[in-house]
Amino acid sequence: KRRLEYRNQVQRLDTLLKVSRVLGLDSQQLQKLEAVANANP
């Protein structure tokens, strides 16, 4: 279960970083969107 959650978390962060590259997000925006991503995995 821990391994599965870790894989899902890494996948969410990877997706978030891809979105960040496309939109050109700064670090504060990235933190805000990380909370959004964690709310709806």
All heavy atoms as atom14 arrays in JSON, in Angstrom:
{
  "sequence": "KRRLEYRNQVQRLDTLLKVSRVLGLDSQQLQKLEAVANANP",
  "atom14_mask": [
    [1, 1, 1, 1, 1, 1, 1, 1, 1, 0, 0, 0, 0, 0],
    [1, 1, 1, 1, 1, 1, 1, 1, 1, 1, 1, 0, 0, 0],
    [1, 1, 1, 1, 1, 1, 1, 1, 1, 1, 1, 0, 0, 0],
    [1, 1, 1, 1, 1, 1, 1, 1, 0, 0, 0, 0, 0, 0],
    [1, 1, 1, 1, 1, 1, 1, 1, 1, 0, 0, 0, 0, 0],
    [1, 1, 1, 1, 1, 1, 1, 1, 1, 1, 1, 1, 0, 0],
    [1, 1, 1, 1, 1, 1, 1, 1, 1, 1, 1, 0, 0, 0],
    [1, 1, 1, 1, 1, 1, 1, 1, 0, 0, 0, 0, 0, 0],
    [1, 1, 1, 1, 1, 1, 1, 1, 1, 0, 0, 0, 0, 0],
    [1, 1, 1, 1, 1, 1, 1, 0, 0, 0, 0, 0, 0, 0],
    [1, 1, 1, 1, 1, 1, 1, 1, 1, 0, 0, 0, 0, 0],
    [1, 1, 1, 1, 1, 1, 1, 1, 1, 1, 1, 0, 0, 0],
    [1, 1, 1, 1, 1, 1, 1, 1, 0, 0, 0, 0, 0, 0],
    [1, 1, 1, 1, 1, 1, 1, 1, 0, 0, 0, 0, 0, 0],
    [1, 1, 1, 1, 1, 1, 1, 0, 0, 0, 0, 0, 0, 0],
    [1, 1, 1, 1, 1, 1, 1, 1, 0, 0, 0, 0, 0, 0],
    [1, 1, 1, 1, 1, 1, 1, 1, 0, 0, 0, 0, 0, 0],
    [1, 1, 1, 1, 1, 1, 1, 1, 1, 0, 0, 0, 0, 0],
    [1, 1, 1, 1, 1, 1, 1, 0, 0, 0, 0, 0, 0, 0],
    [1, 1, 1, 1, 1, 1, 0, 0, 0, 0, 0, 0, 0, 0],
    [1, 1, 1, 1, 1, 1, 1, 1, 1, 1, 1, 0, 0, 0],
    [1, 1, 1, 1, 1, 1, 1, 0, 0, 0, 0, 0, 0, 0],
    [1, 1, 1, 1, 1, 1, 1, 1, 0, 0, 0, 0, 0, 0],
    [1, 1, 1, 1, 0, 0, 0, 0, 0, 0, 0, 0, 0, 0],
    [1, 1, 1, 1, 1, 1, 1, 1, 0, 0, 0, 0, 0, 0],
    [1, 1, 1, 1, 1, 1, 1, 1, 0, 0, 0, 0, 0, 0],
    [1, 1, 1, 1, 1, 1, 0, 0, 0, 0, 0, 0, 0, 0],
    [1, 1, 1, 1, 1, 1, 1, 1, 1, 0, 0, 0, 0, 0],
    [1, 1, 1, 1, 1, 1, 1, 1, 1, 0, 0, 0, 0, 0],
    [1, 1, 1, 1, 1, 1, 1, 1, 0, 0, 0, 0, 0, 0],
    [1, 1, 1, 1, 1, 1, 1, 1, 1, 0, 0, 0, 0, 0],
    [1, 1, 1, 1, 1, 1, 1, 1, 1, 0, 0, 0, 0, 0],
    [1, 1, 1, 1, 1, 1, 1, 1, 0, 0, 0, 0, 0, 0],
    [1, 1, 1, 1, 1, 1, 1, 1, 1, 0, 0, 0, 0, 0],
    [1, 1, 1, 1, 1, 0, 0, 0, 0, 0, 0, 0, 0, 0],
    [1, 1, 1, 1, 1, 1, 1, 0, 0, 0, 0, 0, 0, 0],
    [1, 1, 1, 1, 1, 0, 0, 0, 0, 0, 0, 0, 0, 0],
    [1, 1, 1, 1, 1, 1, 1, 1, 0, 0, 0, 0, 0, 0],
    [1, 1, 1, 1, 1, 0, 0, 0, 0, 0, 0, 0, 0, 0],
    [1, 1, 1, 1, 1, 1, 1, 1, 0, 0, 0, 0, 0, 0],
    [1, 1, 1, 1, 1, 1, 1, 0, 0, 0, 0, 0, 0, 0]
  ],
  "atom14_positions": [
    [[0.83, -1.21, 0.0], [0.0, 0.0, 0.0], [0.86, 1.26, 0.0], [0.58, 2.22, -0.71], [-0.94, 0.01, 1.21], [-2.07, -0.97, 1.11], [-2.92, -0.95, 2.36], [-3.98, -2.03, 2.32], [-4.77, -2.07, 3.55], [0.0, 0.0, 0.0], [0.0, 0.0, 0.0], [0.0, 0.0, 0.0], [0.0, 0.0, 0.0], [0.0, 0.0, 0.0]],
    [[1.93, 1.24, 0.81], [2.85, 2.4, 0.85], [3.52, 2.61, -0.49], [3.66, 3.74, -0.96], [3.91, 2.2, 1.93], [3.46, 2.56, 3.31], [4.67, 2.68, 4.24], [5.63, 1.62, 3.98], [5.94, 0.65, 4.82], [5.36, 0.6, 5.99], [6.82, -0.27, 4.52], [0.0, 0.0, 0.0], [0.0, 0.0, 0.0], [0.0, 0.0, 0.0]],
    [[3.95, 1.52, -1.12], [4.59, 1.62, -2.43], [3.63, 2.17, -3.48], [4.01, 2.99, -4.31], [5.13, 0.27, -2.88], [6.34, -0.19, -2.12], [6.69, -1.62, -2.52], [7.72, -2.16, -1.68], [8.98, -2.31, -2.05], [9.35, -1.98, -3.26], [9.86, -2.81, -1.22], [0.0, 0.0, 0.0], [0.0, 0.0, 0.0], [0.0, 0.0, 0.0]],
    [[2.38, 1.72, -3.45], [1.39, 2.2, -4.4], [1.12, 3.68, -4.21], [1.08, 4.45, -5.18], [0.09, 1.4, -4.25], [-1.06, 1.83, -5.17], [-0.69, 1.62, -6.63], [-2.32, 1.06, -4.81], [0.0, 0.0, 0.0], [0.0, 0.0, 0.0], [0.0, 0.0, 0.0], [0.0, 0.0, 0.0], [0.0, 0.0, 0.0], [0.0, 0.0, 0.0]],
    [[0.98, 4.12, -2.96], [0.76, 5.54, -2.69], [1.96, 6.36, -3.13], [1.81, 7.45, -3.68], [0.47, 5.77, -1.21], [0.28, 7.23, -0.85], [-0.76, 7.95, -1.68], [-1.8, 7.35, -2.03], [-0.53, 9.13, -1.99], [0.0, 0.0, 0.0], [0.0, 0.0, 0.0], [0.0, 0.0, 0.0], [0.0, 0.0, 0.0], [0.0, 0.0, 0.0]],
    [[3.15, 5.84, -2.9], [4.36, 6.55, -3.33], [4.39, 6.7, -4.85], [4.69, 7.76, -5.37], [5.61, 5.82, -2.83], [6.89, 6.47, -3.26], [7.33, 7.63, -2.65], [7.65, 5.93, -4.29], [8.5, 8.25, -3.05], [8.82, 6.54, -4.69], [9.24, 7.7, -4.08], [10.39, 8.3, -4.49], [0.0, 0.0, 0.0], [0.0, 0.0, 0.0]],
    [[4.08, 5.62, -5.57], [4.05, 5.68, -7.04], [3.02, 6.7, -7.51], [3.26, 7.47, -8.44], [3.75, 4.3, -7.63], [4.94, 3.4, -7.72], [4.65, 2.19, -8.6], [3.56, 1.37, -8.11], [3.7, 0.35, -7.27], [4.9, 0.01, -6.84], [2.66, -0.34, -6.88], [0.0, 0.0, 0.0], [0.0, 0.0, 0.0], [0.0, 0.0, 0.0]],
    [[1.85, 6.71, -6.89], [0.81, 7.68, -7.26], [1.26, 9.1, -6.98], [1.0, 10.02, -7.77], [-0.49, 7.37, -6.52], [-1.13, 6.09, -6.99], [-0.85, 5.61, -8.08], [-1.99, 5.52, -6.16], [0.0, 0.0, 0.0], [0.0, 0.0, 0.0], [0.0, 0.0, 0.0], [0.0, 0.0, 0.0], [0.0, 0.0, 0.0], [0.0, 0.0, 0.0]],
    [[1.93, 9.31, -5.86], [2.42, 10.64, -5.51], [3.47, 11.1, -6.52], [3.45, 12.26, -6.96], [3.0, 10.63, -4.11], [3.48, 11.98, -3.63], [4.05, 11.92, -2.22], [4.27, 10.83, -1.68], [4.29, 13.06, -1.64], [0.0, 0.0, 0.0], [0.0, 0.0, 0.0], [0.0, 0.0, 0.0], [0.0, 0.0, 0.0], [0.0, 0.0, 0.0]],
    [[4.37, 10.23, -6.89], [5.4, 10.58, -7.88], [4.75, 10.9, -9.22], [5.14, 11.85, -9.89], [6.43, 9.43, -8.01], [7.33, 9.64, -9.22], [7.25, 9.33, -6.74], [0.0, 0.0, 0.0], [0.0, 0.0, 0.0], [0.0, 0.0, 0.0], [0.0, 0.0, 0.0], [0.0, 0.0, 0.0], [0.0, 0.0, 0.0], [0.0, 0.0, 0.0]],
    [[3.74, 10.13, -9.59], [3.04, 10.37, -10.85], [2.33, 11.73, -10.82], [2.38, 12.48, -11.81], [2.03, 9.24, -11.08], [1.36, 9.29, -12.44], [0.44, 8.1, -12.63], [-0.14, 7.59, -11.67], [0.3, 7.66, -13.86], [0.0, 0.0, 0.0], [0.0, 0.0, 0.0], [0.0, 0.0, 0.0], [0.0, 0.0, 0.0], [0.0, 0.0, 0.0]],
    [[1.7, 12.08, -9.71], [1.04, 13.39, -9.59], [2.06, 14.51, -9.69], [1.83, 15.51, -10.38], [0.32, 13.5, -8.24], [-1.1, 13.05, -8.26], [-1.85, 13.48, -7.0], [-1.16, 13.26, -5.75], [-1.18, 12.12, -5.06], [-1.84, 11.09, -5.51], [-0.55, 12.03, -3.9], [0.0, 0.0, 0.0], [0.0, 0.0, 0.0], [0.0, 0.0, 0.0]],
    [[3.18, 14.38, -9.0], [4.21, 15.42, -9.05], [4.81, 15.56, -10.44], [5.07, 16.67, -10.91], [5.31, 15.12, -8.03], [4.92, 15.32, -6.57], [6.04, 14.86, -5.66], [4.55, 16.76, -6.3], [0.0, 0.0, 0.0], [0.0, 0.0, 0.0], [0.0, 0.0, 0.0], [0.0, 0.0, 0.0], [0.0, 0.0, 0.0], [0.0, 0.0, 0.0]],
    [[4.99, 14.44, -11.13], [5.5, 14.48, -12.5], [4.52, 15.22, -13.41], [4.91, 16.07, -14.21], [5.75, 13.07, -13.01], [6.33, 13.05, -14.41], [7.35, 13.74, -14.63], [5.77, 12.35, -15.27], [0.0, 0.0, 0.0], [0.0, 0.0, 0.0], [0.0, 0.0, 0.0], [0.0, 0.0, 0.0], [0.0, 0.0, 0.0], [0.0, 0.0, 0.0]],
    [[3.25, 14.91, -13.27], [2.22, 15.59, -14.05], [2.18, 17.07, -13.72], [2.08, 17.92, -14.61], [0.84, 14.95, -13.8], [0.91, 13.57, -14.13], [-0.23, 15.62, -14.62], [0.0, 0.0, 0.0], [0.0, 0.0, 0.0], [0.0, 0.0, 0.0], [0.0, 0.0, 0.0], [0.0, 0.0, 0.0], [0.0, 0.0, 0.0], [0.0, 0.0, 0.0]],
    [[2.29, 17.39, -12.45], [2.29, 18.79, -12.01], [3.48, 19.55, -12.61], [3.34, 20.69, -13.04], [2.31, 18.85, -10.49], [2.12, 20.2, -9.84], [0.78, 20.81, -10.24], [2.21, 20.07, -8.34], [0.0, 0.0, 0.0], [0.0, 0.0, 0.0], [0.0, 0.0, 0.0], [0.0, 0.0, 0.0], [0.0, 0.0, 0.0], [0.0, 0.0, 0.0]],
    [[4.63, 18.92, -12.65], [5.8, 19.57, -13.24], [5.65, 19.76, -14.74], [6.1, 20.76, -15.3], [7.07, 18.77, -12.92], [7.51, 18.82, -11.46], [8.7, 17.9, -11.24], [7.84, 20.24, -11.04], [0.0, 0.0, 0.0], [0.0, 0.0, 0.0], [0.0, 0.0, 0.0], [0.0, 0.0, 0.0], [0.0, 0.0, 0.0], [0.0, 0.0, 0.0]],
    [[5.0, 18.82, -15.4], [4.73, 18.98, -16.84], [3.8, 20.16, -17.07], [4.02, 20.96, -17.98], [4.13, 17.7, -17.43], [5.13, 16.58, -17.54], [4.46, 15.31, -18.06], [5.44, 14.15, -18.1], [4.8, 12.9, -18.52], [0.0, 0.0, 0.0], [0.0, 0.0, 0.0], [0.0, 0.0, 0.0], [0.0, 0.0, 0.0], [0.0, 0.0, 0.0]],
    [[2.75, 20.27, -16.27], [1.83, 21.41, -16.36], [2.6, 22.71, -16.1], [2.4, 23.7, -16.8], [0.65, 21.25, -15.37], [-0.13, 22.54, -15.23], [-0.26, 20.13, -15.81], [0.0, 0.0, 0.0], [0.0, 0.0, 0.0], [0.0, 0.0, 0.0], [0.0, 0.0, 0.0], [0.0, 0.0, 0.0], [0.0, 0.0, 0.0], [0.0, 0.0, 0.0]],
    [[3.47, 22.67, -15.12], [4.26, 23.84, -14.78], [5.13, 24.29, -15.96], [5.25, 25.48, -16.23], [5.14, 23.54, -13.57], [5.98, 24.62, -13.29], [0.0, 0.0, 0.0], [0.0, 0.0, 0.0], [0.0, 0.0, 0.0], [0.0, 0.0, 0.0], [0.0, 0.0, 0.0], [0.0, 0.0, 0.0], [0.0, 0.0, 0.0], [0.0, 0.0, 0.0]],
    [[5.74, 23.33, -16.65], [6.57, 23.68, -17.81], [5.74, 24.28, -18.94], [6.16, 25.22, -19.59], [7.34, 22.46, -18.3], [8.57, 22.14, -17.49], [9.44, 21.15, -18.21], [8.79, 19.89, -18.48], [8.88, 18.82, -17.72], [9.59, 18.85, -16.63], [8.25, 17.71, -18.04], [0.0, 0.0, 0.0], [0.0, 0.0, 0.0], [0.0, 0.0, 0.0]],
    [[4.57, 23.7, -19.17], [3.72, 24.19, -20.26], [3.22, 25.61, -19.97], [3.23, 26.47, -20.84], [2.52, 23.24, -20.5], [1.53, 23.83, -21.48], [3.02, 21.89, -21.01], [0.0, 0.0, 0.0], [0.0, 0.0, 0.0], [0.0, 0.0, 0.0], [0.0, 0.0, 0.0], [0.0, 0.0, 0.0], [0.0, 0.0, 0.0], [0.0, 0.0, 0.0]],
    [[2.8, 25.84, -18.73], [2.23, 27.14, -18.38], [3.26, 28.15, -17.88], [2.96, 29.34, -17.8], [1.14, 26.97, -17.31], [-0.13, 26.25, -17.74], [-1.07, 26.09, -16.55], [-0.81, 26.99, -18.87], [0.0, 0.0, 0.0], [0.0, 0.0, 0.0], [0.0, 0.0, 0.0], [0.0, 0.0, 0.0], [0.0, 0.0, 0.0], [0.0, 0.0, 0.0]],
    [[4.44, 27.7, -17.52], [5.46, 28.6, -17.0], [5.12, 29.08, -15.59], [5.19, 30.27, -15.3], [0.0, 0.0, 0.0], [0.0, 0.0, 0.0], [0.0, 0.0, 0.0], [0.0, 0.0, 0.0], [0.0, 0.0, 0.0], [0.0, 0.0, 0.0], [0.0, 0.0, 0.0], [0.0, 0.0, 0.0], [0.0, 0.0, 0.0], [0.0, 0.0, 0.0]],
    [[4.79, 28.16, -14.71], [4.41, 28.51, -13.34], [5.63, 28.88, -12.51], [6.71, 28.32, -12.7], [3.69, 27.33, -12.67], [2.43, 26.81, -13.34], [1.9, 25.6, -12.57], [1.38, 27.89, -13.42], [0.0, 0.0, 0.0], [0.0, 0.0, 0.0], [0.0, 0.0, 0.0], [0.0, 0.0, 0.0], [0.0, 0.0, 0.0], [0.0, 0.0, 0.0]],
    [[5.43, 29.79, -11.56], [6.49, 30.07, -10.6], [6.31, 29.15, -9.39], [5.36, 28.37, -9.32], [6.54, 31.55, -10.21], [5.27, 32.02, -9.5], [4.58, 31.19, -8.87], [4.99, 33.23, -9.55], [0.0, 0.0, 0.0], [0.0, 0.0, 0.0], [0.0, 0.0, 0.0], [0.0, 0.0, 0.0], [0.0, 0.0, 0.0], [0.0, 0.0, 0.0]],
    [[7.21, 29.23, -8.42], [7.19, 28.28, -7.3], [5.94, 28.43, -6.43], [5.4, 27.44, -5.93], [8.45, 28.44, -6.45], [8.52, 29.73, -5.91], [0.0, 0.0, 0.0], [0.0, 0.0, 0.0], [0.0, 0.0, 0.0], [0.0, 0.0, 0.0], [0.0, 0.0, 0.0], [0.0, 0.0, 0.0], [0.0, 0.0, 0.0], [0.0, 0.0, 0.0]],
    [[5.45, 29.66, -6.24], [4.25, 29.85, -5.43], [3.02, 29.26, -6.13], [2.18, 28.62, -5.49], [4.03, 31.33, -5.15], [5.07, 31.91, -4.21], [4.88, 33.4, -4.0], [4.22, 34.07, -4.79], [5.49, 33.93, -2.94], [0.0, 0.0, 0.0], [0.0, 0.0, 0.0], [0.0, 0.0, 0.0], [0.0, 0.0, 0.0], [0.0, 0.0, 0.0]],
    [[2.92, 29.47, -7.44], [1.81, 28.89, -8.18], [1.88, 27.37, -8.15], [0.86, 26.69, -8.02], [1.83, 29.38, -9.63], [1.51, 30.84, -9.79], [1.75, 31.29, -11.23], [2.77, 30.98, -11.82], [0.79, 32.02, -11.76], [0.0, 0.0, 0.0], [0.0, 0.0, 0.0], [0.0, 0.0, 0.0], [0.0, 0.0, 0.0], [0.0, 0.0, 0.0]],
    [[3.09, 26.84, -8.25], [3.28, 25.4, -8.22], [2.82, 24.82, -6.88], [2.16, 23.77, -6.85], [4.75, 25.06, -8.47], [5.11, 23.61, -8.71], [4.39, 23.07, -9.93], [6.61, 23.46, -8.88], [0.0, 0.0, 0.0], [0.0, 0.0, 0.0], [0.0, 0.0, 0.0], [0.0, 0.0, 0.0], [0.0, 0.0, 0.0], [0.0, 0.0, 0.0]],
    [[3.12, 25.5, -5.79], [2.68, 25.03, -4.47], [1.16, 25.05, -4.36], [0.56, 24.13, -3.81], [3.3, 25.88, -3.37], [4.76, 25.63, -3.14], [5.35, 26.54, -2.08], [4.74, 27.54, -1.71], [6.53, 26.19, -1.58], [0.0, 0.0, 0.0], [0.0, 0.0, 0.0], [0.0, 0.0, 0.0], [0.0, 0.0, 0.0], [0.0, 0.0, 0.0]],
    [[0.53, 26.1, -4.87], [-0.93, 26.17, -4.82], [-1.56, 25.05, -5.64], [-2.53, 24.42, -5.21], [-1.4, 27.53, -5.34], [-1.11, 28.68, -4.42], [-1.59, 29.99, -5.02], [-1.27, 31.18, -4.14], [-1.71, 32.44, -4.75], [0.0, 0.0, 0.0], [0.0, 0.0, 0.0], [0.0, 0.0, 0.0], [0.0, 0.0, 0.0], [0.0, 0.0, 0.0]],
    [[-1.01, 24.81, -6.82], [-1.58, 23.76, -7.66], [-1.27, 22.37, -7.12], [-2.01, 21.42, -7.38], [-1.09, 23.89, -9.1], [-1.77, 25.0, -9.9], [-1.24, 25.03, -11.32], [-3.28, 24.84, -9.91], [0.0, 0.0, 0.0], [0.0, 0.0, 0.0], [0.0, 0.0, 0.0], [0.0, 0.0, 0.0], [0.0, 0.0, 0.0], [0.0, 0.0, 0.0]],
    [[-0.19, 22.25, -6.37], [0.1, 20.95, -5.74], [-1.0, 20.6, -4.74], [-1.41, 19.45, -4.65], [1.46, 20.99, -5.05], [1.88, 19.65, -4.49], [3.28, 19.67, -3.91], [3.95, 20.71, -3.94], [3.69, 18.62, -3.4], [0.0, 0.0, 0.0], [0.0, 0.0, 0.0], [0.0, 0.0, 0.0], [0.0, 0.0, 0.0], [0.0, 0.0, 0.0]],
    [[-1.49, 21.59, -4.02], [-2.6, 21.35, -3.09], [-3.85, 20.92, -3.85], [-4.59, 20.03, -3.41], [-2.87, 22.6, -2.26], [0.0, 0.0, 0.0], [0.0, 0.0, 0.0], [0.0, 0.0, 0.0], [0.0, 0.0, 0.0], [0.0, 0.0, 0.0], [0.0, 0.0, 0.0], [0.0, 0.0, 0.0], [0.0, 0.0, 0.0], [0.0, 0.0, 0.0]],
    [[-4.09, 21.53, -5.01], [-5.24, 21.16, -5.84], [-5.06, 19.72, -6.34], [-6.01, 18.93, -6.33], [-5.39, 22.13, -7.03], [-6.43, 21.65, -8.02], [-5.73, 23.53, -6.53], [0.0, 0.0, 0.0], [0.0, 0.0, 0.0], [0.0, 0.0, 0.0], [0.0, 0.0, 0.0], [0.0, 0.0, 0.0], [0.0, 0.0, 0.0], [0.0, 0.0, 0.0]],
    [[-3.86, 19.38, -6.77], [-3.59, 18.03, -7.27], [-3.76, 16.98, -6.17], [-4.29, 15.9, -6.42], [-2.19, 17.96, -7.86], [0.0, 0.0, 0.0], [0.0, 0.0, 0.0], [0.0, 0.0, 0.0], [0.0, 0.0, 0.0], [0.0, 0.0, 0.0], [0.0, 0.0, 0.0], [0.0, 0.0, 0.0], [0.0, 0.0, 0.0], [0.0, 0.0, 0.0]],
    [[-3.32, 17.31, -4.97], [-3.44, 16.36, -3.87], [-4.89, 16.21, -3.41], [-5.26, 15.18, -2.87], [-2.57, 16.78, -2.69], [-1.1, 16.61, -3.0], [-0.72, 15.78, -3.82], [-0.26, 17.39, -2.36], [0.0, 0.0, 0.0], [0.0, 0.0, 0.0], [0.0, 0.0, 0.0], [0.0, 0.0, 0.0], [0.0, 0.0, 0.0], [0.0, 0.0, 0.0]],
    [[-5.71, 17.22, -3.65], [-7.13, 17.15, -3.28], [-7.91, 16.24, -4.23], [-8.93, 15.68, -3.85], [-7.74, 18.54, -3.27], [0.0, 0.0, 0.0], [0.0, 0.0, 0.0], [0.0, 0.0, 0.0], [0.0, 0.0, 0.0], [0.0, 0.0, 0.0], [0.0, 0.0, 0.0], [0.0, 0.0, 0.0], [0.0, 0.0, 0.0], [0.0, 0.0, 0.0]],
    [[-7.43, 16.09, -5.46], [-8.1, 15.25, -6.44], [-7.07, 14.39, -7.17], [-6.8, 14.62, -8.35], [-8.88, 16.13, -7.43], [-9.67, 15.3, -8.42], [-9.84, 14.11, -8.24], [-10.11, 15.93, -9.49], [0.0, 0.0, 0.0], [0.0, 0.0, 0.0], [0.0, 0.0, 0.0], [0.0, 0.0, 0.0], [0.0, 0.0, 0.0], [0.0, 0.0, 0.0]],
    [[-6.51, 13.38, -6.51], [-5.43, 12.59, -7.11], [-5.79, 11.92, -8.44], [-4.97, 11.92, -9.35], [-5.09, 11.56, -6.05], [-5.58, 12.13, -4.77], [-6.75, 12.99, -5.13], [0.0, 0.0, 0.0], [0.0, 0.0, 0.0], [0.0, 0.0, 0.0], [0.0, 0.0, 0.0], [0.0, 0.0, 0.0], [0.0, 0.0, 0.0], [0.0, 0.0, 0.0]]
  ]
}
